[in-house]
Amino acid sequence: QVQLVESGGGLVQAGDSLRLSCAASGQAFSSYTMGWFRQAPGKEREYVGAISRSHSTSYADSVKGRFTISRDNTKNTVYLQMNSLKPEDTAVYYCARKSTALVLVYSDSNYSAYDYWGQGTQVTVSS
């Protein structure tokens, strides 16, 4: 059974930085695309970005240039470095593992492509 556990969330001020971590259990972590999503109160889950098994990355326009995703396959961990945080970045952040069966069906930005999700970590950015 795959488990994803996020950590690193918290309360920060606008302009600050945070790094979220997502530790994955299970084998073959390096073979999967890993994604980050977020959900603010009253809003739908939103794509943040993803990193493929070859370490190529993609980002939502809203975070491009401010957020960076990386992975350490030796630690089965994916990271989300968030810089220049804004109040509108306030949300619960989730990491997810993309299903290999759906790699060619859905883009990385489609949450339907992901079969395992973490419990989420709260990020609050005050103005």
C-alpha atoms as a PDB file:
ATOM      1  CA  GLN A   1       0.000   0.000   0.000  1.00  0.00           C
ATOM      2  CA  VAL A   2       1.299   3.410  -0.951  1.00  0.00           C
ATOM      3  CA  GLN A   3       1.249   6.183   1.612  1.00  0.00           C
ATOM      4  CA  LEU A   4       2.084   9.817   0.996  1.00  0.00           C
ATOM      5  CA  VAL A   5       2.767  12.081   3.953  1.00  0.00           C
ATOM      6  CA  GLU A   6       3.144  15.823   3.518  1.00  0.00           C
ATOM      7  CA  SER A   7       4.901  18.069   5.983  1.00  0.00           C
ATOM      8  CA  GLY A   8       6.301  21.568   6.241  1.00  0.00           C
ATOM      9  CA  GLY A   9       3.180  23.667   6.139  1.00  0.00           C
ATOM     10  CA  GLY A  10       2.584  26.570   8.471  1.00  0.00           C
ATOM     11  CA  LEU A  11       1.719  30.216   8.923  1.00  0.00           C
ATOM     12  CA  VAL A  12       3.983  32.714   7.198  1.00  0.00           C
ATOM     13  CA  GLN A  13       3.888  36.309   6.064  1.00  0.00           C
ATOM     14  CA  ALA A  14       3.623  37.506   2.501  1.00  0.00           C
ATOM     15  CA  GLY A  15       7.010  37.362   0.812  1.00  0.00           C
ATOM     16  CA  ASP A  16       8.277  34.513   2.985  1.00  0.00           C
ATOM     17  CA  SER A  17       9.321  31.055   1.837  1.00  0.00           C
ATOM     18  CA  LEU A  18       8.309  27.540   2.814  1.00  0.00           C
ATOM     19  CA  ARG A  19       9.409  24.110   1.712  1.00  0.00           C
ATOM     20  CA  LEU A  20       6.918  21.299   1.730  1.00  0.00           C
ATOM     21  CA  SER A  21       7.978  17.676   1.729  1.00  0.00           C
ATOM     22  CA  CYS A  22       6.089  14.593   0.664  1.00  0.00           C
ATOM     23  CA  ALA A  23       7.469  11.273   1.826  1.00  0.00           C
ATOM     24  CA  ALA A  24       6.259   8.223  -0.044  1.00  0.00           C
ATOM     25  CA  SER A  25       6.179   4.618   1.049  1.00  0.00           C
ATOM     26  CA  GLY A  26       6.192   1.732  -1.353  1.00  0.00           C
ATOM     27  CA  GLN A  27       8.519   0.626  -4.063  1.00  0.00           C
ATOM     28  CA  ALA A  28       9.500   2.124  -7.393  1.00  0.00           C
ATOM     29  CA  PHE A  29       9.014   5.719  -6.274  1.00  0.00           C
ATOM     30  CA  SER A  30      11.426   6.884  -8.949  1.00  0.00           C
ATOM     31  CA  SER A  31       9.185   5.476 -11.684  1.00  0.00           C
ATOM     32  CA  TYR A  32       6.255   7.764 -10.994  1.00  0.00           C
ATOM     33  CA  THR A  33       5.333  11.304 -11.829  1.00  0.00           C
ATOM     34  CA  MET A  34       4.513  13.156  -8.633  1.00  0.00           C
ATOM     35  CA  GLY A  35       2.181  16.109  -8.502  1.00  0.00           C
ATOM     36  CA  TRP A  36       1.298  18.908  -6.114  1.00  0.00           C
ATOM     37  CA  PHE A  37      -2.196  20.321  -5.841  1.00  0.00           C
ATOM     38  CA  ARG A  38      -3.831  22.785  -3.489  1.00  0.00           C
ATOM     39  CA  GLN A  39      -7.315  23.580  -2.332  1.00  0.00           C
ATOM     40  CA  ALA A  40      -8.439  26.804  -0.753  1.00  0.00           C
ATOM     41  CA  PRO A  41     -11.680  27.036   1.242  1.00  0.00           C
ATOM     42  CA  GLY A  42     -14.682  27.105  -1.047  1.00  0.00           C
ATOM     43  CA  LYS A  43     -12.604  26.478  -4.137  1.00  0.00           C
ATOM     44  CA  GLU A  44     -11.868  23.477  -6.304  1.00  0.00           C
ATOM     45  CA  ARG A  45      -8.627  21.581  -6.083  1.00  0.00           C
ATOM     46  CA  GLU A  46      -6.026  23.363  -8.172  1.00  0.00           C
ATOM     47  CA  TYR A  47      -2.943  22.049  -9.939  1.00  0.00           C
ATOM     48  CA  VAL A  48       0.342  23.479  -8.670  1.00  0.00           C
ATOM     49  CA  GLY A  49       2.911  21.464 -10.560  1.00  0.00           C
ATOM     50  CA  ALA A  50       4.444  18.085 -11.190  1.00  0.00           C
ATOM     51  CA  ILE A  51       7.777  16.358 -11.617  1.00  0.00           C
ATOM     52  CA  SER A  52       8.310  13.379 -13.865  1.00  0.00           C
ATOM     53  CA  ARG A  53      10.554  10.399 -13.282  1.00  0.00           C
ATOM     54  CA  SER A  54      13.139  12.117 -15.489  1.00  0.00           C
ATOM     55  CA  HIS A  55      12.913  15.181 -13.231  1.00  0.00           C
ATOM     56  CA  SER A  56      11.230  17.371 -15.825  1.00  0.00           C
ATOM     57  CA  THR A  57       8.816  19.803 -14.210  1.00  0.00           C
ATOM     58  CA  SER A  58       5.699  21.715 -15.086  1.00  0.00           C
ATOM     59  CA  TYR A  59       3.914  24.439 -13.166  1.00  0.00           C
ATOM     60  CA  ALA A  60       0.663  26.310 -13.073  1.00  0.00           C
ATOM     61  CA  ASP A  61       0.969  29.860 -14.349  1.00  0.00           C
ATOM     62  CA  SER A  62      -0.004  31.184 -10.932  1.00  0.00           C
ATOM     63  CA  VAL A  63       3.139  29.776  -9.316  1.00  0.00           C
ATOM     64  CA  LYS A  64       5.621  29.736 -12.182  1.00  0.00           C
ATOM     65  CA  GLY A  65       8.831  31.490 -11.231  1.00  0.00           C
ATOM     66  CA  ARG A  66       8.036  31.321  -7.506  1.00  0.00           C
ATOM     67  CA  PHE A  67       7.628  27.608  -6.800  1.00  0.00           C
ATOM     68  CA  THR A  68      10.073  24.810  -7.554  1.00  0.00           C
ATOM     69  CA  ILE A  69       9.451  21.080  -7.413  1.00  0.00           C
ATOM     70  CA  SER A  70      12.272  18.622  -6.896  1.00  0.00           C
ATOM     71  CA  ARG A  71      12.632  15.024  -5.872  1.00  0.00           C
ATOM     72  CA  ASP A  72      15.144  12.855  -4.067  1.00  0.00           C
ATOM     73  CA  ASN A  73      14.603   9.281  -5.146  1.00  0.00           C
ATOM     74  CA  THR A  74      17.069   7.993  -2.545  1.00  0.00           C
ATOM     75  CA  LYS A  75      14.712   9.314   0.131  1.00  0.00           C
ATOM     76  CA  ASN A  76      11.433   8.616  -1.694  1.00  0.00           C
ATOM     77  CA  THR A  77      10.603  12.280  -1.210  1.00  0.00           C
ATOM     78  CA  VAL A  78       9.312  15.077  -3.387  1.00  0.00           C
ATOM     79  CA  TYR A  79       9.634  18.722  -2.408  1.00  0.00           C
ATOM     80  CA  LEU A  80       7.781  21.935  -3.135  1.00  0.00           C
ATOM     81  CA  GLN A  81       9.890  25.017  -2.541  1.00  0.00           C
ATOM     82  CA  MET A  82       7.633  28.051  -2.322  1.00  0.00           C
ATOM     83  CA  ASN A  83       9.159  31.514  -2.488  1.00  0.00           C
ATOM     84  CA  SER A  84       7.614  34.978  -2.540  1.00  0.00           C
ATOM     85  CA  LEU A  85       4.446  33.623  -1.011  1.00  0.00           C
ATOM     86  CA  LYS A  86       1.237  35.575  -1.430  1.00  0.00           C
ATOM     87  CA  PRO A  87      -1.997  35.509   0.579  1.00  0.00           C
ATOM     88  CA  GLU A  88      -3.696  33.862  -2.402  1.00  0.00           C
ATOM     89  CA  ASP A  89      -1.343  30.889  -1.959  1.00  0.00           C
ATOM     90  CA  THR A  90      -3.202  30.041   1.241  1.00  0.00           C
ATOM     91  CA  ALA A  91      -4.583  26.516   0.871  1.00  0.00           C
ATOM     92  CA  VAL A  92      -4.210  22.921   1.897  1.00  0.00           C
ATOM     93  CA  TYR A  93      -1.424  21.456  -0.210  1.00  0.00           C
ATOM     94  CA  TYR A  94      -1.542  17.864  -1.365  1.00  0.00           C
ATOM     95  CA  CYS A  95       0.981  15.657  -3.047  1.00  0.00           C
ATOM     96  CA  ALA A  96      -0.163  12.843  -5.278  1.00  0.00           C
ATOM     97  CA  ARG A  97       1.228   9.990  -7.329  1.00  0.00           C
ATOM     98  CA  LYS A  98       0.238   9.789 -10.972  1.00  0.00           C
ATOM     99  CA  SER A  99      -1.110   6.479 -12.138  1.00  0.00           C
ATOM    100  CA  THR A 100       1.052   4.791 -14.733  1.00  0.00           C
ATOM    101  CA  ALA A 101      -2.123   3.448 -16.349  1.00  0.00           C
ATOM    102  CA  LEU A 102      -3.344   6.992 -16.962  1.00  0.00           C
ATOM    103  CA  VAL A 103      -0.112   8.609 -18.056  1.00  0.00           C
ATOM    104  CA  LEU A 104      -1.275   8.842 -21.678  1.00  0.00           C
ATOM    105  CA  VAL A 105      -4.917   9.517 -20.812  1.00  0.00           C
ATOM    106  CA  TYR A 106      -4.661  12.601 -18.638  1.00  0.00           C
ATOM    107  CA  SER A 107      -2.206  15.450 -18.466  1.00  0.00           C
ATOM    108  CA  ASP A 108      -0.204  16.044 -15.320  1.00  0.00           C
ATOM    109  CA  SER A 109      -2.532  18.894 -14.389  1.00  0.00           C
ATOM    110  CA  ASN A 110      -5.636  16.701 -14.248  1.00  0.00           C
ATOM    111  CA  TYR A 111      -6.257  15.401 -10.740  1.00  0.00           C
ATOM    112  CA  SER A 112      -8.088  12.389 -12.175  1.00  0.00           C
ATOM    113  CA  ALA A 113      -4.708  11.055 -13.293  1.00  0.00           C
ATOM    114  CA  TYR A 114      -3.532  10.540  -9.705  1.00  0.00           C
ATOM    115  CA  ASP A 115      -4.314   7.415  -7.753  1.00  0.00           C
ATOM    116  CA  TYR A 116      -2.698   8.077  -4.393  1.00  0.00           C
ATOM    117  CA  TRP A 117      -2.976  11.246  -2.326  1.00  0.00           C
ATOM    118  CA  GLY A 118      -1.519  12.529   0.886  1.00  0.00           C
ATOM    119  CA  GLN A 119      -3.593  13.942   3.711  1.00  0.00           C
ATOM    120  CA  GLY A 120      -2.555  17.508   2.960  1.00  0.00           C
ATOM    121  CA  THR A 121      -0.688  20.196   4.854  1.00  0.00           C
ATOM    122  CA  GLN A 122      -2.036  23.669   5.565  1.00  0.00           C
ATOM    123  CA  VAL A 123      -0.215  26.715   4.264  1.00  0.00           C
ATOM    124  CA  THR A 124      -1.454  30.087   5.448  1.00  0.00           C
ATOM    125  CA  VAL A 125       0.045  33.312   4.156  1.00  0.00           C
ATOM    126  CA  SER A 126      -0.857  36.489   5.989  1.00  0.00           C
ATOM    127  CA  SER A 127      -0.706  39.894   4.373  1.00  0.00           C
END
